Amino acid sequence: MRLVSRYVPRRFYSSIEGWPKATVDDHSKLLEAIRSKDAETTRREMEEHLMHAGELLAAHFDERIATEGASDQSIGLVRV
């Protein structure tokens, strides 16, 4: 989580495709597991949430890199 929050300030979360829906869906599952006092399910839901958030963030960065790389090349710049 520290790594995610380091690269994505909270105010930008909504600009990451799928993040708002993931927040609602993942947190709902996590809260339900906590309410049921099921430690194993809670741990699994938290792990899945962190993996899901990481995947969304990685896809966002991949898209940004691809977009920036394409625009750099279109003006004759090469990113090293």
Protein backbone atom coordinates (compact mmCIF):
# COMPACT_ATOMS: atom_id res chain seq x y z
CA MET A 1 0.00 0.00 0.00
CA ARG A 2 2.84 2.37 0.76
CA LEU A 3 4.17 1.92 -2.77
CA VAL A 4 0.76 2.56 -4.33
CA SER A 5 0.13 5.68 -2.27
CA ARG A 6 3.62 6.92 -3.12
CA TYR A 7 2.93 6.85 -6.86
CA VAL A 8 -0.76 7.72 -6.87
CA PRO A 9 -1.95 10.57 -4.68
CA ARG A 10 -5.48 9.95 -3.40
CA ARG A 11 -6.98 12.70 -5.52
CA PHE A 12 -5.92 10.87 -8.73
CA TYR A 13 -7.45 7.47 -7.91
CA SER A 14 -10.63 8.26 -9.80
CA SER A 15 -8.62 8.91 -12.98
CA ILE A 16 -7.39 5.30 -13.04
CA GLU A 17 -9.73 3.23 -15.17
CA GLY A 18 -11.65 0.74 -13.04
CA TRP A 19 -10.40 2.11 -9.71
CA PRO A 20 -13.67 3.62 -8.43
CA LYS A 21 -15.62 0.42 -9.16
CA ALA A 22 -12.87 -1.73 -7.67
CA THR A 23 -12.91 0.40 -4.54
CA VAL A 24 -16.62 -0.13 -4.03
CA ASP A 25 -16.65 -3.82 -4.97
CA ASP A 26 -13.45 -4.85 -3.19
CA HIS A 27 -14.15 -2.88 -0.03
CA SER A 28 -17.69 -4.26 0.16
CA LYS A 29 -16.35 -7.83 0.10
CA LEU A 30 -13.67 -6.98 2.63
CA LEU A 31 -16.09 -5.31 5.02
CA GLU A 32 -18.50 -8.23 4.79
CA ALA A 33 -15.70 -10.64 5.68
CA ILE A 34 -14.72 -8.45 8.65
CA ARG A 35 -18.32 -8.27 9.84
CA SER A 36 -18.61 -12.06 9.68
CA LYS A 37 -15.45 -12.32 11.83
CA ASP A 38 -13.97 -14.75 9.34
CA ALA A 39 -10.22 -14.17 9.55
CA GLU A 40 -9.31 -16.43 6.62
CA THR A 41 -11.82 -14.82 4.25
CA THR A 42 -10.82 -11.35 5.46
CA ARG A 43 -7.16 -12.08 4.74
CA ARG A 44 -7.99 -13.53 1.33
CA GLU A 45 -10.20 -10.55 0.41
CA MET A 46 -7.47 -8.12 1.48
CA GLU A 47 -4.84 -9.95 -0.57
CA GLU A 48 -7.15 -10.00 -3.59
CA HIS A 49 -7.90 -6.30 -3.16
CA LEU A 50 -4.21 -5.40 -3.03
CA MET A 51 -3.48 -7.53 -6.10
CA HIS A 52 -6.41 -6.00 -7.97
CA ALA A 53 -5.34 -2.46 -7.09
CA GLY A 54 -1.78 -3.25 -8.15
CA GLU A 55 -2.97 -4.63 -11.49
CA LEU A 56 -5.08 -1.54 -12.16
CA LEU A 57 -2.18 0.73 -11.27
CA ALA A 58 0.26 -1.22 -13.44
CA ALA A 59 -2.16 -1.09 -16.39
CA HIS A 60 -2.53 2.66 -15.85
CA PHE A 61 1.25 3.16 -15.88
CA ASP A 62 1.62 0.93 -18.96
CA GLU A 63 -0.99 3.02 -20.78
CA ARG A 64 0.70 6.28 -19.77
CA ILE A 65 4.12 5.01 -20.89
CA ALA A 66 2.71 3.83 -24.23
CA THR A 67 0.91 7.13 -24.78
CA GLU A 68 3.90 9.27 -23.81
CA GLY A 69 6.26 7.12 -25.86
CA ALA A 70 4.05 7.47 -28.93
CA SER A 71 3.87 11.26 -28.57
CA ASP A 72 7.67 11.52 -28.00
CA GLN A 73 8.34 9.53 -31.15
CA SER A 74 5.89 11.60 -33.18
CA ILE A 75 7.96 14.70 -32.49
CA GLY A 76 11.28 12.96 -33.10
CA LEU A 77 12.28 12.26 -29.49
CA VAL A 78 13.49 8.92 -28.33
CA ARG A 79 13.10 7.97 -24.68
CA VAL A 80 16.14 6.22 -23.29
